[in-house]
Amino acid sequence: MAKLERTLYGSFDEILAKIENGILGGSVSASLEDGSDFSSDTARCSVRIFERYSFMGGNRVSLSVTLFKPSGSDPIRLSAITAGRSQAMFHKFNTFGEKAFLEKLEELLD
């Protein structure tokens, strides 16, 4: 498992679209598995679950992305966590695909 947390500035909708388009366009096997959007008078939260096949790892990996904006003037908080399958019973030896998936998101945000 790998994790990335960032504070972002800009349009919530533009950042979300950039993430969705960049992840889906960055791999032929990438898919958007599901998503949820919540909002109140001041807060907004979006969750997206992506999945793709990792050729290096020989398995499928997922990427969970959460964007949260508490109020109109606050920055956007991002939390992204990857997960993948491993064939070992007690230890996860193959994390290549998870790290590569997270690195793709980092490239989009930089």
Protein backbone atom coordinates (compact mmCIF):
# COMPACT_ATOMS: atom_id res chain seq x y z
CA MET A 1 0.00 0.00 0.00
CA ALA A 2 1.17 3.51 -0.77
CA LYS A 3 -0.31 6.84 0.29
CA LEU A 4 -0.14 10.43 -0.89
CA GLU A 5 -1.61 13.46 0.87
CA ARG A 6 -1.54 17.00 -0.52
CA THR A 7 -3.02 20.42 -0.03
CA LEU A 8 -4.22 21.83 -3.35
CA TYR A 9 -5.39 25.23 -4.52
CA GLY A 10 -7.70 26.00 -7.40
CA SER A 11 -11.06 24.94 -8.73
CA PHE A 12 -12.43 21.77 -7.13
CA ASP A 13 -14.14 20.76 -10.41
CA GLU A 14 -11.03 21.39 -12.51
CA ILE A 15 -8.79 19.40 -10.16
CA LEU A 16 -11.24 16.49 -10.06
CA ALA A 17 -11.56 16.47 -13.87
CA LYS A 18 -7.77 16.62 -14.27
CA ILE A 19 -7.36 13.61 -11.99
CA GLU A 20 -10.12 11.58 -13.69
CA ASN A 21 -8.95 12.36 -17.24
CA GLY A 22 -5.28 11.92 -16.40
CA ILE A 23 -5.67 8.55 -14.69
CA LEU A 24 -8.03 7.16 -17.34
CA GLY A 25 -5.89 8.51 -20.17
CA GLY A 26 -2.64 7.34 -18.64
CA SER A 27 -3.21 3.61 -19.00
CA VAL A 28 -5.14 1.47 -21.49
CA SER A 29 -6.30 -0.79 -18.66
CA ALA A 30 -7.36 2.01 -16.25
CA SER A 31 -11.03 2.24 -15.32
CA LEU A 32 -13.15 4.31 -12.99
CA GLU A 33 -14.79 1.69 -10.80
CA ASP A 34 -17.06 4.00 -8.80
CA GLY A 35 -17.36 7.38 -7.18
CA SER A 36 -19.34 9.40 -4.66
CA ASP A 37 -19.94 13.11 -4.25
CA PHE A 38 -21.17 14.88 -1.13
CA SER A 39 -21.79 18.52 -0.41
CA SER A 40 -23.34 20.80 2.18
CA ASP A 41 -23.74 24.54 2.35
CA THR A 42 -19.99 25.00 2.80
CA ALA A 43 -18.21 21.65 2.37
CA ARG A 44 -17.60 19.37 -0.59
CA CYS A 45 -16.16 15.87 -0.83
CA SER A 46 -15.55 13.58 -3.82
CA VAL A 47 -14.28 10.00 -3.74
CA ARG A 48 -13.09 8.08 -6.80
CA ILE A 49 -11.91 4.48 -7.06
CA PHE A 50 -9.74 3.64 -10.06
CA GLU A 51 -8.33 0.28 -11.08
CA ARG A 52 -5.74 -0.84 -13.60
CA TYR A 53 -3.63 -3.82 -14.51
CA SER A 54 0.01 -3.72 -13.46
CA PHE A 55 2.20 -5.44 -16.04
CA MET A 56 5.24 -5.30 -13.75
CA GLY A 57 3.36 -6.82 -10.85
CA GLY A 58 1.13 -9.13 -12.86
CA ASN A 59 -1.91 -8.07 -10.86
CA ARG A 60 -4.66 -5.46 -10.67
CA VAL A 61 -4.19 -2.44 -8.43
CA SER A 62 -6.66 0.11 -7.17
CA LEU A 63 -6.30 3.80 -6.39
CA SER A 64 -8.70 5.54 -4.02
CA VAL A 65 -8.73 9.34 -4.35
CA THR A 66 -10.57 11.61 -1.92
CA LEU A 67 -10.87 15.37 -2.41
CA PHE A 68 -12.26 17.44 0.46
CA LYS A 69 -12.92 21.18 0.67
CA PRO A 70 -14.31 22.35 4.05
CA SER A 71 -15.46 25.79 2.86
CA GLY A 72 -15.19 28.15 -0.09
CA SER A 73 -12.02 29.86 1.13
CA ASP A 74 -10.21 26.76 2.44
CA PRO A 75 -7.71 24.78 0.34
CA ILE A 76 -8.61 21.38 -1.06
CA ARG A 77 -7.22 18.35 0.76
CA LEU A 78 -6.35 15.25 -1.25
CA SER A 79 -5.79 11.77 0.10
CA ALA A 80 -4.86 8.96 -2.29
CA ILE A 81 -4.23 5.36 -1.28
CA THR A 82 -3.32 2.41 -3.50
CA ALA A 83 -3.95 -1.27 -2.90
CA GLY A 84 -3.07 -4.37 -4.88
CA ARG A 85 -3.27 -8.11 -4.69
CA SER A 86 -0.40 -10.19 -3.50
CA GLN A 87 0.01 -13.93 -3.70
CA ALA A 88 1.85 -14.21 -0.40
CA MET A 89 -0.14 -15.13 2.70
CA PHE A 90 1.45 -12.85 5.30
CA HIS A 91 3.66 -10.34 3.46
CA LYS A 92 3.10 -8.21 0.40
CA PHE A 93 6.19 -8.55 -1.78
CA ASN A 94 4.94 -7.04 -5.01
CA THR A 95 4.21 -3.33 -4.64
CA PHE A 96 5.58 -2.15 -8.01
CA GLY A 97 2.16 -1.51 -9.52
CA GLU A 98 0.84 0.35 -6.49
CA LYS A 99 3.78 2.75 -6.44
CA ALA A 100 3.59 3.33 -10.19
CA PHE A 101 -0.14 4.10 -9.98
CA LEU A 102 0.46 6.65 -7.24
CA GLU A 103 3.38 8.17 -9.16
CA LYS A 104 1.04 8.77 -12.11
CA LEU A 105 -1.25 10.79 -9.83
CA GLU A 106 1.75 12.74 -8.48
CA GLU A 107 2.73 13.66 -12.06
CA LEU A 108 -0.77 14.98 -12.70
CA LEU A 109 -0.69 17.14 -9.58
CA ASP A 110 2.79 18.61 -10.15
